[in-house]
C-alpha atoms as a PDB file:
ATOM      1  CA  MET A   1     -63.339   1.624 -42.176  1.00  0.00           C
ATOM      2  CA  LYS A   2     -61.288   4.594 -41.753  1.00  0.00           C
ATOM      3  CA  ILE A   3     -63.400   5.992 -38.917  1.00  0.00           C
ATOM      4  CA  ARG A   4     -62.570   2.288 -37.168  1.00  0.00           C
ATOM      5  CA  LEU A   5     -58.790   2.691 -38.008  1.00  0.00           C
ATOM      6  CA  ALA A   6     -58.752   6.203 -37.311  1.00  0.00           C
ATOM      7  CA  ASP A   7     -60.214   5.385 -33.489  1.00  0.00           C
ATOM      8  CA  ASN A   8     -57.980   2.110 -33.238  1.00  0.00           C
ATOM      9  CA  LEU A   9     -55.031   4.805 -34.437  1.00  0.00           C
ATOM     10  CA  ILE A  10     -56.047   6.897 -31.202  1.00  0.00           C
ATOM     11  CA  ARG A  11     -56.412   4.210 -29.135  1.00  0.00           C
ATOM     12  CA  VAL A  12     -53.188   2.901 -29.645  1.00  0.00           C
ATOM     13  CA  ILE A  13     -51.633   6.276 -29.096  1.00  0.00           C
ATOM     14  CA  ALA A  14     -53.677   6.812 -26.282  1.00  0.00           C
ATOM     15  CA  LEU A  15     -52.062   3.823 -25.008  1.00  0.00           C
ATOM     16  CA  SER A  16     -48.518   4.701 -25.589  1.00  0.00           C
ATOM     17  CA  VAL A  17     -48.836   7.905 -23.575  1.00  0.00           C
ATOM     18  CA  PHE A  18     -50.212   6.448 -20.819  1.00  0.00           C
ATOM     19  CA  VAL A  19     -47.821   3.211 -20.635  1.00  0.00           C
ATOM     20  CA  ALA A  20     -44.802   6.160 -21.548  1.00  0.00           C
ATOM     21  CA  VAL A  21     -46.059   8.450 -18.326  1.00  0.00           C
ATOM     22  CA  VAL A  22     -46.621   5.214 -16.195  1.00  0.00           C
ATOM     23  CA  TRP A  23     -43.246   4.158 -17.000  1.00  0.00           C
ATOM     24  CA  GLY A  24     -41.332   7.447 -16.707  1.00  0.00           C
ATOM     25  CA  THR A  25     -43.081   7.998 -13.670  1.00  0.00           C
ATOM     26  CA  SER A  26     -41.869   4.085 -12.374  1.00  0.00           C
ATOM     27  CA  THR A  27     -38.277   4.708 -13.599  1.00  0.00           C
ATOM     28  CA  ALA A  28     -38.460   8.324 -11.423  1.00  0.00           C
ATOM     29  CA  ALA A  29     -39.483   6.303  -8.391  1.00  0.00           C
ATOM     30  CA  ALA A  30     -37.041   3.371  -8.829  1.00  0.00           C
ATOM     31  CA  ALA A  31     -34.112   4.790  -7.887  1.00  0.00           C
ATOM     32  CA  ASP A  32     -32.664   2.894  -5.317  1.00  0.00           C
ATOM     33  CA  LYS A  33     -32.165   4.598  -1.371  1.00  0.00           C
ATOM     34  CA  LEU A  34     -28.321   4.046  -0.443  1.00  0.00           C
ATOM     35  CA  LEU A  35     -27.419   5.699   2.899  1.00  0.00           C
ATOM     36  CA  ALA A  36     -23.845   6.267   3.384  1.00  0.00           C
ATOM     37  CA  LEU A  37     -21.286   8.113   5.764  1.00  0.00           C
ATOM     38  CA  TYR A  38     -18.196  10.322   5.162  1.00  0.00           C
ATOM     39  CA  SER A  39     -16.090  10.947   7.919  1.00  0.00           C
ATOM     40  CA  ALA A  40     -13.818  14.093   7.016  1.00  0.00           C
ATOM     41  CA  ARG A  41     -14.958  17.772   5.126  1.00  0.00           C
ATOM     42  CA  VAL A  42     -11.577  17.437   2.870  1.00  0.00           C
ATOM     43  CA  MET A  43     -11.307  16.790  -0.798  1.00  0.00           C
ATOM     44  CA  SER A  44     -10.304  13.149  -1.031  1.00  0.00           C
ATOM     45  CA  GLN A  45     -13.578  12.748   0.409  1.00  0.00           C
ATOM     46  CA  SER A  46     -15.229  14.854  -2.170  1.00  0.00           C
ATOM     47  CA  MET A  47     -16.633  12.697  -4.520  1.00  0.00           C
ATOM     48  CA  PRO A  48     -20.191  11.741  -3.710  1.00  0.00           C
ATOM     49  CA  TRP A  49     -20.384  15.901  -3.610  1.00  0.00           C
ATOM     50  CA  ILE A  50     -19.320  16.040  -7.078  1.00  0.00           C
ATOM     51  CA  ALA A  51     -21.767  12.867  -8.022  1.00  0.00           C
ATOM     52  CA  GLN A  52     -24.668  14.886  -6.605  1.00  0.00           C
ATOM     53  CA  ALA A  53     -23.272  18.383  -8.553  1.00  0.00           C
ATOM     54  CA  ALA A  54     -22.688  16.768 -11.758  1.00  0.00           C
ATOM     55  CA  GLY A  55     -26.283  14.401 -12.185  1.00  0.00           C
ATOM     56  CA  LEU A  56     -24.305  11.323 -11.732  1.00  0.00           C
ATOM     57  CA  LEU A  57     -26.673  10.354  -8.922  1.00  0.00           C
ATOM     58  CA  LYS A  58     -29.524  10.820 -10.785  1.00  0.00           C
ATOM     59  CA  LYS A  59     -27.599   9.405 -13.790  1.00  0.00           C
ATOM     60  CA  TYR A  60     -26.979   5.799 -12.076  1.00  0.00           C
ATOM     61  CA  ASP A  61     -30.666   5.747 -10.372  1.00  0.00           C
ATOM     62  CA  LEU A  62     -29.505   6.431  -7.215  1.00  0.00           C
ATOM     63  CA  ASP A  63     -31.440   8.083  -4.211  1.00  0.00           C
ATOM     64  CA  LEU A  64     -28.216   9.150  -2.239  1.00  0.00           C
ATOM     65  CA  GLU A  65     -28.700  10.216   1.422  1.00  0.00           C
ATOM     66  CA  LEU A  66     -24.757  11.487   2.841  1.00  0.00           C
ATOM     67  CA  VAL A  67     -24.154  11.864   6.235  1.00  0.00           C
ATOM     68  CA  TYR A  68     -21.165  13.572   7.980  1.00  0.00           C
ATOM     69  CA  VAL A  69     -19.700  11.885  11.402  1.00  0.00           C
ATOM     70  CA  ALA A  70     -16.366  13.116  11.833  1.00  0.00           C
ATOM     71  CA  ALA A  71     -13.195  10.415  11.449  1.00  0.00           C
ATOM     72  CA  GLY A  72     -12.975   7.811  14.521  1.00  0.00           C
ATOM     73  CA  ALA A  73     -14.617   5.644  16.682  1.00  0.00           C
ATOM     74  CA  PRO A  74     -18.587   7.166  15.969  1.00  0.00           C
ATOM     75  CA  ALA A  75     -17.810   6.802  12.233  1.00  0.00           C
ATOM     76  CA  TYR A  76     -16.232   2.871  12.737  1.00  0.00           C
ATOM     77  CA  ALA A  77     -19.293   1.559  14.586  1.00  0.00           C
ATOM     78  CA  ALA A  78     -21.804   3.441  12.254  1.00  0.00           C
ATOM     79  CA  ILE A  79     -21.370   1.053   9.268  1.00  0.00           C
ATOM     80  CA  LEU A  80     -19.818  -2.092  11.800  1.00  0.00           C
ATOM     81  CA  SER A  81     -23.724  -1.206  13.798  1.00  0.00           C
ATOM     82  CA  GLY A  82     -25.512  -1.144   9.929  1.00  0.00           C
ATOM     83  CA  ASP A  83     -26.841   2.192  10.498  1.00  0.00           C
ATOM     84  CA  VAL A  84     -25.088   3.131   7.078  1.00  0.00           C
ATOM     85  CA  GLU A  85     -24.763   1.042   3.947  1.00  0.00           C
ATOM     86  CA  VAL A  86     -21.386   2.560   2.615  1.00  0.00           C
ATOM     87  CA  GLU A  87     -18.755   4.554   4.703  1.00  0.00           C
ATOM     88  CA  LEU A  88     -15.883   6.587   3.253  1.00  0.00           C
ATOM     89  CA  ALA A  89     -13.153   6.953   5.510  1.00  0.00           C
ATOM     90  CA  GLY A  90      -9.655   5.557   6.457  1.00  0.00           C
ATOM     91  CA  ALA A  91      -9.556   2.287   7.319  1.00  0.00           C
ATOM     92  CA  SER A  92      -7.504   1.441  10.274  1.00  0.00           C
ATOM     93  CA  GLY A  93     -10.680   0.788  12.713  1.00  0.00           C
ATOM     94  CA  PHE A  94     -12.163  -1.744  10.456  1.00  0.00           C
ATOM     95  CA  VAL A  95      -8.955  -3.104  10.312  1.00  0.00           C
ATOM     96  CA  ARG A  96      -8.972  -3.389  13.991  1.00  0.00           C
ATOM     97  CA  ALA A  97     -12.392  -4.285  13.970  1.00  0.00           C
ATOM     98  CA  ILE A  98     -11.900  -7.371  11.303  1.00  0.00           C
ATOM     99  CA  ALA A  99      -8.627  -8.302  13.353  1.00  0.00           C
ATOM    100  CA  GLN A 100     -10.827  -8.514  16.373  1.00  0.00           C
ATOM    101  CA  GLY A 101     -12.719 -10.965  14.786  1.00  0.00           C
ATOM    102  CA  ASN A 102     -15.352  -8.958  12.552  1.00  0.00           C
ATOM    103  CA  LYS A 103     -15.872 -11.087   9.249  1.00  0.00           C
ATOM    104  CA  GLU A 104     -18.667  -8.634   7.874  1.00  0.00           C
ATOM    105  CA  VAL A 105     -16.421  -5.441   7.129  1.00  0.00           C
ATOM    106  CA  ALA A 106     -14.811  -5.252   3.382  1.00  0.00           C
ATOM    107  CA  PHE A 107     -12.968  -2.846   1.336  1.00  0.00           C
ATOM    108  CA  ILE A 108     -14.286  -1.860  -1.848  1.00  0.00           C
ATOM    109  CA  ALA A 109     -12.375   0.544  -3.149  1.00  0.00           C
ATOM    110  CA  GLY A 110      -9.840   3.216  -2.380  1.00  0.00           C
ATOM    111  CA  ILE A 111      -8.767   6.705  -2.977  1.00  0.00           C
ATOM    112  CA  LYS A 112      -5.746   7.307  -1.073  1.00  0.00           C
ATOM    113  CA  ASN A 113      -3.177   5.118  -0.079  1.00  0.00           C
ATOM    114  CA  VAL A 114      -0.643   7.575   1.332  1.00  0.00           C
ATOM    115  CA  LEU A 115      -0.922   9.939   4.304  1.00  0.00           C
ATOM    116  CA  THR A 116      -0.606  13.710   3.137  1.00  0.00           C
ATOM    117  CA  HIS A 117      -1.052  15.713   6.267  1.00  0.00           C
ATOM    118  CA  SER A 118       1.075  17.744   7.703  1.00  0.00           C
ATOM    119  CA  ILE A 119       1.374  19.513  11.181  1.00  0.00           C
ATOM    120  CA  LEU A 120       1.684  23.136  11.465  1.00  0.00           C
ATOM    121  CA  ALA A 121       2.615  25.549  13.600  1.00  0.00           C
ATOM    122  CA  LYS A 122       3.617  29.203  14.622  1.00  0.00           C
ATOM    123  CA  PRO A 123       6.911  30.322  12.864  1.00  0.00           C
ATOM    124  CA  GLU A 124       8.365  30.172  16.360  1.00  0.00           C
ATOM    125  CA  PHE A 125       8.441  26.284  16.434  1.00  0.00           C
ATOM    126  CA  LYS A 126      10.599  25.738  13.673  1.00  0.00           C
ATOM    127  CA  LYS A 127      11.346  21.875  13.407  1.00  0.00           C
ATOM    128  CA  ALA A 128       9.687  19.170  14.457  1.00  0.00           C
ATOM    129  CA  GLU A 129      11.815  18.876  17.970  1.00  0.00           C
ATOM    130  CA  ASN A 130      10.421  21.712  18.983  1.00  0.00           C
ATOM    131  CA  LEU A 131       7.225  19.738  19.893  1.00  0.00           C
ATOM    132  CA  LYS A 132       8.145  17.943  22.529  1.00  0.00           C
ATOM    133  CA  GLY A 133       6.099  18.740  25.427  1.00  0.00           C
ATOM    134  CA  LYS A 134       3.769  20.668  23.044  1.00  0.00           C
ATOM    135  CA  LYS A 135      -0.044  20.239  22.477  1.00  0.00           C
ATOM    136  CA  VAL A 136      -0.328  18.844  19.260  1.00  0.00           C
ATOM    137  CA  GLY A 137      -4.123  18.774  17.573  1.00  0.00           C
ATOM    138  CA  VAL A 138      -5.868  15.457  15.927  1.00  0.00           C
ATOM    139  CA  THR A 139      -8.924  14.529  15.376  1.00  0.00           C
ATOM    140  CA  ARG A 140      -9.325  11.439  17.069  1.00  0.00           C
ATOM    141  CA  ILE A 141      -6.922   9.230  19.077  1.00  0.00           C
ATOM    142  CA  GLY A 142      -6.696   6.477  16.377  1.00  0.00           C
ATOM    143  CA  SER A 143      -7.817   8.428  13.439  1.00  0.00           C
ATOM    144  CA  ASN A 144      -5.822   9.369  10.205  1.00  0.00           C
ATOM    145  CA  PRO A 145      -4.365  12.433  11.667  1.00  0.00           C
ATOM    146  CA  HIS A 146      -3.240  10.858  15.078  1.00  0.00           C
ATOM    147  CA  TYR A 147      -1.386   7.683  13.251  1.00  0.00           C
ATOM    148  CA  PHE A 148       0.177  10.119  10.181  1.00  0.00           C
ATOM    149  CA  ALA A 149       1.376  11.964  13.542  1.00  0.00           C
ATOM    150  CA  LEU A 150       2.655   8.936  15.729  1.00  0.00           C
ATOM    151  CA  GLN A 151       4.531   7.634  12.221  1.00  0.00           C
ATOM    152  CA  ALA A 152       6.401  11.193  11.529  1.00  0.00           C
ATOM    153  CA  LEU A 153       7.646  11.466  14.986  1.00  0.00           C
ATOM    154  CA  ARG A 154       8.752   8.408  15.193  1.00  0.00           C
ATOM    155  CA  HIS A 155      10.422   9.557  11.285  1.00  0.00           C
ATOM    156  CA  TYR A 156      12.354  12.436  13.338  1.00  0.00           C
ATOM    157  CA  GLY A 157      13.082  10.314  16.170  1.00  0.00           C
ATOM    158  CA  ILE A 158      10.472  11.984  18.924  1.00  0.00           C
ATOM    159  CA  ASP A 159       9.047   9.842  21.263  1.00  0.00           C
ATOM    160  CA  PRO A 160       5.046  10.310  21.150  1.00  0.00           C
ATOM    161  CA  ARG A 161       4.749  10.027  24.650  1.00  0.00           C
ATOM    162  CA  ASP A 162       6.400  13.096  24.880  1.00  0.00           C
ATOM    163  CA  ILE A 163       3.747  14.883  22.947  1.00  0.00           C
ATOM    164  CA  THR A 164       0.132  15.752  24.314  1.00  0.00           C
ATOM    165  CA  PHE A 165      -2.486  14.677  21.822  1.00  0.00           C
ATOM    166  CA  ILE A 166      -5.418  17.022  22.231  1.00  0.00           C
ATOM    167  CA  GLN A 167      -8.584  15.521  20.363  1.00  0.00           C
ATOM    168  CA  THR A 168     -10.759  18.209  18.442  1.00  0.00           C
ATOM    169  CA  GLY A 169     -13.179  16.171  16.604  1.00  0.00           C
ATOM    170  CA  GLY A 170     -12.660  17.117  12.661  1.00  0.00           C
ATOM    171  CA  ALA A 171     -10.629  18.978  10.530  1.00  0.00           C
ATOM    172  CA  PRO A 172     -12.172  22.602  11.016  1.00  0.00           C
ATOM    173  CA  GLU A 173     -12.142  22.277  14.642  1.00  0.00           C
ATOM    174  CA  THR A 174      -8.572  21.536  14.334  1.00  0.00           C
ATOM    175  CA  PHE A 175      -7.710  24.924  12.236  1.00  0.00           C
ATOM    176  CA  ALA A 176     -10.162  26.855  14.700  1.00  0.00           C
ATOM    177  CA  ALA A 177      -8.044  25.532  18.220  1.00  0.00           C
ATOM    178  CA  LEU A 178      -4.705  26.113  15.957  1.00  0.00           C
ATOM    179  CA  VAL A 179      -5.875  29.603  15.004  1.00  0.00           C
ATOM    180  CA  SER A 180      -7.248  30.758  18.617  1.00  0.00           C
ATOM    181  CA  GLY A 181      -4.012  28.908  20.042  1.00  0.00           C
ATOM    182  CA  SER A 182      -5.744  25.963  22.399  1.00  0.00           C
ATOM    183  CA  ILE A 183      -3.360  23.908  20.601  1.00  0.00           C
ATOM    184  CA  ASP A 184       0.601  24.293  19.490  1.00  0.00           C
ATOM    185  CA  ALA A 185       0.558  22.776  16.112  1.00  0.00           C
ATOM    186  CA  GLY A 186      -2.579  20.527  14.346  1.00  0.00           C
ATOM    187  CA  VAL A 187      -2.285  17.788  12.093  1.00  0.00           C
ATOM    188  CA  LEU A 188      -4.256  19.093   8.729  1.00  0.00           C
ATOM    189  CA  THR A 189      -4.310  17.837   5.635  1.00  0.00           C
ATOM    190  CA  ALA A 190      -6.108  20.185   2.107  1.00  0.00           C
ATOM    191  CA  PRO A 191      -7.206  22.456   2.188  1.00  0.00           C
ATOM    192  CA  THR A 192      -7.238  23.288   5.860  1.00  0.00           C
ATOM    193  CA  ASP A 193      -3.556  23.143   5.443  1.00  0.00           C
ATOM    194  CA  ALA A 194      -3.284  26.006   2.914  1.00  0.00           C
ATOM    195  CA  GLN A 195      -5.801  27.912   4.817  1.00  0.00           C
ATOM    196  CA  ALA A 196      -3.409  27.374   8.143  1.00  0.00           C
ATOM    197  CA  LEU A 197      -0.450  28.990   5.875  1.00  0.00           C
ATOM    198  CA  ALA A 198      -2.077  32.335   4.363  1.00  0.00           C
ATOM    199  CA  LEU A 199      -2.955  32.880   8.192  1.00  0.00           C
ATOM    200  CA  GLY A 200       1.103  32.860   8.577  1.00  0.00           C
ATOM    201  CA  PHE A 201       1.089  28.781  10.079  1.00  0.00           C
ATOM    202  CA  HIS A 202       4.215  26.934   8.632  1.00  0.00           C
ATOM    203  CA  TYR A 203       4.588  23.500   7.854  1.00  0.00           C
ATOM    204  CA  VAL A 204       6.485  21.926  10.686  1.00  0.00           C
ATOM    205  CA  VAL A 205       6.450  18.426   9.320  1.00  0.00           C
ATOM    206  CA  TYR A 206       5.470  18.519   5.524  1.00  0.00           C
ATOM    207  CA  GLY A 207       3.760  15.277   5.130  1.00  0.00           C
ATOM    208  CA  PRO A 208       3.741  14.521   1.118  1.00  0.00           C
ATOM    209  CA  ASP A 209       7.273  14.178   1.205  1.00  0.00           C
ATOM    210  CA  LEU A 210       7.281  11.349   3.600  1.00  0.00           C
ATOM    211  CA  ARG A 211       4.737   9.210   1.754  1.00  0.00           C
ATOM    212  CA  ILE A 212       3.993   6.720   4.492  1.00  0.00           C
ATOM    213  CA  PRO A 213       1.715   3.926   3.059  1.00  0.00           C
ATOM    214  CA  TYR A 214      -1.453   3.610   4.734  1.00  0.00           C
ATOM    215  CA  ALA A 215      -5.482   3.007   3.101  1.00  0.00           C
ATOM    216  CA  ALA A 216      -6.310   7.124   3.969  1.00  0.00           C
ATOM    217  CA  THR A 217      -9.353   7.054   2.329  1.00  0.00           C
ATOM    218  CA  THR A 218     -11.879   4.129   1.246  1.00  0.00           C
ATOM    219  CA  PHE A 219     -15.205   3.089   0.223  1.00  0.00           C
ATOM    220  CA  VAL A 220     -16.644   0.320   2.795  1.00  0.00           C
ATOM    221  CA  THR A 221     -19.245  -2.003   3.113  1.00  0.00           C
ATOM    222  CA  ARG A 222     -20.874  -4.579   4.611  1.00  0.00           C
ATOM    223  CA  ARG A 223     -20.388  -8.428   3.171  1.00  0.00           C
ATOM    224  CA  ALA A 224     -24.097  -8.785   4.094  1.00  0.00           C
ATOM    225  CA  VAL A 225     -25.250  -5.170   1.991  1.00  0.00           C
ATOM    226  CA  ILE A 226     -22.982  -6.415  -0.864  1.00  0.00           C
ATOM    227  CA  ALA A 227     -24.297  -9.816  -0.945  1.00  0.00           C
ATOM    228  CA  LYS A 228     -28.016  -8.259  -0.711  1.00  0.00           C
ATOM    229  CA  ARG A 229     -27.600  -4.933  -3.193  1.00  0.00           C
ATOM    230  CA  PRO A 230     -24.767  -6.197  -5.481  1.00  0.00           C
ATOM    231  CA  GLN A 231     -26.041  -4.055  -7.955  1.00  0.00           C
ATOM    232  CA  VAL A 232     -26.801  -1.011  -5.807  1.00  0.00           C
ATOM    233  CA  VAL A 233     -22.899  -1.009  -4.634  1.00  0.00           C
ATOM    234  CA  GLY A 234     -22.037  -1.250  -7.984  1.00  0.00           C
ATOM    235  CA  ARG A 235     -23.636   1.771  -9.395  1.00  0.00           C
ATOM    236  CA  PHE A 236     -22.619   3.519  -6.973  1.00  0.00           C
ATOM    237  CA  LEU A 237     -19.240   2.663  -7.369  1.00  0.00           C
ATOM    238  CA  ARG A 238     -19.660   4.011 -11.456  1.00  0.00           C
ATOM    239  CA  ALA A 239     -20.841   6.957 -10.522  1.00  0.00           C
ATOM    240  CA  MET A 240     -18.172   7.370  -7.975  1.00  0.00           C
ATOM    241  CA  ALA A 241     -15.787   6.462 -10.878  1.00  0.00           C
ATOM    242  CA  GLU A 242     -17.044   9.232 -12.662  1.00  0.00           C
ATOM    243  CA  ALA A 243     -16.776  11.262  -9.803  1.00  0.00           C
ATOM    244  CA  ALA A 244     -12.845  10.962  -9.875  1.00  0.00           C
ATOM    245  CA  MET A 245     -12.622  11.570 -13.363  1.00  0.00           C
ATOM    246  CA  ILE A 246     -14.053  15.078 -12.910  1.00  0.00           C
ATOM    247  CA  LEU A 247     -12.187  15.584  -9.450  1.00  0.00           C
ATOM    248  CA  HIS A 248      -8.799  15.117 -11.999  1.00  0.00           C
ATOM    249  CA  THR A 249      -9.717  16.652 -14.828  1.00  0.00           C
ATOM    250  CA  ASP A 250     -12.218  19.721 -14.266  1.00  0.00           C
ATOM    251  CA  ARG A 251     -10.325  21.670 -12.052  1.00  0.00           C
ATOM    252  CA  GLU A 252     -13.325  24.528 -12.419  1.00  0.00           C
ATOM    253  CA  PHE A 253     -16.024  22.114 -11.581  1.00  0.00           C
ATOM    254  CA  THR A 254     -14.293  20.839  -8.956  1.00  0.00           C
ATOM    255  CA  TYR A 255     -13.567  24.096  -7.279  1.00  0.00           C
ATOM    256  CA  LYS A 256     -16.962  25.253  -7.470  1.00  0.00           C
ATOM    257  CA  VAL A 257     -17.944  22.191  -5.489  1.00  0.00           C
ATOM    258  CA  LEU A 258     -15.132  22.175  -3.074  1.00  0.00           C
ATOM    259  CA  GLY A 259     -15.892  25.949  -2.512  1.00  0.00           C
ATOM    260  CA  LYS A 260     -19.786  25.421  -1.947  1.00  0.00           C
ATOM    261  CA  GLN A 261     -19.481  22.886   0.255  1.00  0.00           C
ATOM    262  CA  LEU A 262     -16.314  23.907   2.362  1.00  0.00           C
ATOM    263  CA  ARG A 263     -17.656  27.624   2.463  1.00  0.00           C
ATOM    264  CA  LEU A 264     -13.874  28.716   0.994  1.00  0.00           C
ATOM    265  CA  ASP A 265     -14.044  30.532  -2.306  1.00  0.00           C
ATOM    266  CA  ASP A 266      -9.864  31.613  -2.013  1.00  0.00           C
ATOM    267  CA  ARG A 267      -8.254  30.690  -5.499  1.00  0.00           C
ATOM    268  CA  LYS A 268      -4.716  30.725  -4.210  1.00  0.00           C
ATOM    269  CA  ILE A 269      -5.509  27.973  -1.316  1.00  0.00           C
ATOM    270  CA  LEU A 270      -7.634  26.285  -3.646  1.00  0.00           C
ATOM    271  CA  ASP A 271      -4.995  26.264  -5.928  1.00  0.00           C
ATOM    272  CA  ALA A 272      -2.451  24.890  -3.335  1.00  0.00           C
ATOM    273  CA  ALA A 273      -4.584  22.500  -1.917  1.00  0.00           C
ATOM    274  CA  TYR A 274      -5.507  20.720  -5.191  1.00  0.00           C
ATOM    275  CA  ASN A 275      -2.017  20.879  -6.815  1.00  0.00           C
ATOM    276  CA  SER A 276      -0.656  18.977  -3.726  1.00  0.00           C
ATOM    277  CA  GLU A 277      -3.591  16.234  -3.116  1.00  0.00           C
ATOM    278  CA  ILE A 278      -4.249  14.928  -5.902  1.00  0.00           C
ATOM    279  CA  LYS A 279      -0.969  13.618  -6.959  1.00  0.00           C
ATOM    280  CA  VAL A 280      -1.781  10.890  -4.732  1.00  0.00           C
ATOM    281  CA  LEU A 281      -5.233  10.680  -5.202  1.00  0.00           C
ATOM    282  CA  GLU A 282      -6.113   7.115  -6.974  1.00  0.00           C
ATOM    283  CA  PRO A 283      -7.655   7.844 -10.935  1.00  0.00           C
ATOM    284  CA  ARG A 284      -9.239   4.593 -10.540  1.00  0.00           C
ATOM    285  CA  LEU A 285     -10.159   3.673  -6.676  1.00  0.00           C
ATOM    286  CA  VAL A 286      -7.466   1.253  -6.417  1.00  0.00           C
ATOM    287  CA  ILE A 287      -6.969   0.091  -3.259  1.00  0.00           C
ATOM    288  CA  LYS A 288      -3.014  -0.748  -3.022  1.00  0.00           C
ATOM    289  CA  PRO A 289      -2.308  -3.776  -0.335  1.00  0.00           C
ATOM    290  CA  GLU A 290       0.807  -2.325   0.966  1.00  0.00           C
ATOM    291  CA  ALA A 291      -1.351   0.606   2.436  1.00  0.00           C
ATOM    292  CA  LEU A 292      -3.358  -2.158   3.914  1.00  0.00           C
ATOM    293  CA  GLN A 293      -0.322  -3.772   5.474  1.00  0.00           C
ATOM    294  CA  ALA A 294       0.964  -0.938   6.540  1.00  0.00           C
ATOM    295  CA  ILE A 295      -2.176  -0.751   8.825  1.00  0.00           C
ATOM    296  CA  LEU A 296      -1.825  -4.555   9.574  1.00  0.00           C
ATOM    297  CA  ASP A 297       1.725  -3.926  11.032  1.00  0.00           C
ATOM    298  CA  GLU A 298       0.212  -1.083  13.015  1.00  0.00           C
ATOM    299  CA  ILE A 299      -1.788  -2.651  14.753  1.00  0.00           C
ATOM    300  CA  SER A 300      -0.308  -5.935  15.347  1.00  0.00           C
ATOM    301  CA  PRO A 301       1.591  -5.700  18.438  1.00  0.00           C
ATOM    302  CA  ALA A 302      -1.987  -5.035  20.479  1.00  0.00           C
ATOM    303  CA  GLU A 303      -4.035  -7.407  17.988  1.00  0.00           C
ATOM    304  CA  PRO A 304      -1.501 -10.493  17.143  1.00  0.00           C
ATOM    305  CA  ARG A 305      -4.590 -11.879  14.703  1.00  0.00           C
ATOM    306  CA  ALA A 306      -3.602  -9.228  12.053  1.00  0.00           C
ATOM    307  CA  LYS A 307      -0.296 -10.621  11.789  1.00  0.00           C
ATOM    308  CA  LYS A 308      -2.361 -13.678  10.236  1.00  0.00           C
ATOM    309  CA  ILE A 309      -4.706 -11.349   7.502  1.00  0.00           C
ATOM    310  CA  LYS A 310      -3.670 -10.546   4.313  1.00  0.00           C
ATOM    311  CA  PRO A 311      -4.866  -7.571   2.324  1.00  0.00           C
ATOM    312  CA  GLN A 312      -6.015  -9.481  -0.099  1.00  0.00           C
ATOM    313  CA  GLU A 313      -8.344 -11.120   2.335  1.00  0.00           C
ATOM    314  CA  ILE A 314     -10.218  -8.440   3.339  1.00  0.00           C
ATOM    315  CA  VAL A 315     -11.052  -6.570  -0.221  1.00  0.00           C
ATOM    316  CA  ASP A 316     -13.851  -8.007  -2.188  1.00  0.00           C
ATOM    317  CA  GLY A 317     -12.837  -6.119  -5.763  1.00  0.00           C
ATOM    318  CA  ARG A 318     -15.458  -7.098  -7.740  1.00  0.00           C
ATOM    319  CA  PHE A 319     -16.850  -4.260  -8.704  1.00  0.00           C
ATOM    320  CA  LEU A 320     -13.135  -2.534  -9.491  1.00  0.00           C
ATOM    321  CA  ASP A 321     -12.759  -6.053 -11.162  1.00  0.00           C
ATOM    322  CA  ASP A 322     -15.814  -5.116 -13.172  1.00  0.00           C
ATOM    323  CA  MET A 323     -15.083  -1.892 -14.185  1.00  0.00           C
ATOM    324  CA  GLU A 324     -11.889  -3.008 -15.449  1.00  0.00           C
ATOM    325  CA  LYS A 325     -13.074  -5.797 -17.494  1.00  0.00           C
ATOM    326  CA  SER A 326     -16.110  -4.635 -19.215  1.00  0.00           C
ATOM    327  CA  GLY A 327     -14.006  -1.806 -20.188  1.00  0.00           C
ATOM    328  CA  PHE A 328     -16.120   0.815 -18.384  1.00  0.00           C
ATOM    329  CA  PHE A 329     -12.738   2.106 -17.131  1.00  0.00           C
ATOM    330  CA  ASP A 330     -11.294   2.938 -20.477  1.00  0.00           C
ATOM    331  CA  GLN A 331     -13.996   4.124 -22.453  1.00  0.00           C
ATOM    332  CA  LEU A 332     -13.771   6.934 -18.658  1.00  0.00           C
ATOM    333  CA  TRP A 333     -10.890   7.975 -19.581  1.00  0.00           C
ATOM    334  CA  SER A 334     -10.770   7.532 -23.110  1.00  0.00           C
ATOM    335  CA  GLY A 335      -8.998  10.605 -24.371  1.00  0.00           C
ATOM    336  CA  LYS A 336      -8.824  12.346 -20.979  1.00  0.00           C
ATOM    337  CA  ARG A 337      -5.448  12.252 -19.770  1.00  0.00           C
END
């Protein structure tokens, strides 16, 4: 009897080990693939980098493939065509697509609801008025930097038609064009503006002071993706929410991530960028109605249907609502600030 019990016990243990190994392998293999795009190498789009470095993607069983496409038409087309499932980008192109009749696009979270770009130039350009007739670099026509430039110039009474806008392709390219002298001024944001300051350029227009409402950085997807993969999208946003918390509360870890991704190790530049940008980034990924309304107002002259669209109609807030109602956000931020 003792031998039989012992044999049975061995079988049970062996079976348990087998199940544990198989289950562990299945769990490891069960990570859901998600193809996401980011459109600017800037601090406000660093959440996926932070999530990767902090192990949050593994925590939420996500196999995230992250691709970079510069802001503008190519980035907007990627989500509209279904080439990617989630995108981190400014809202303007998507709002325009909605106004033109696209019913698939939905905003699911926000990061930055005001523009923090600035226009930098050589010291001989003392003020915004000196830019008349000059070449100003933006990533692409229709991008966040371009929209900021239009609004900032109008703020100072300058007709944008008096400016020659040069499309550079991306923020690093704008910075390089400024340094090389192929443009007279460039529209930059953190941390690239701090890099320009370190080389002797100065602010002709300091954008954060203008507090221009705008859905500058958002998470966007298609309604078909939400319908088909709601749990995956929900886990992705929880990972991004934790990454946002790290961004806001762990400066040193954030600097390591930014330093690696942006190839930047100058502490003064990192400090300047972080201090200016963190003030306007949303800790709980809120997307504000007035930020979307600003875009609707901007495009309405060319897209009259935009006048009939209300911001809440183009936002799917189920994931943020769930994180609030479930206590996820409260638990995440408990004792952090």
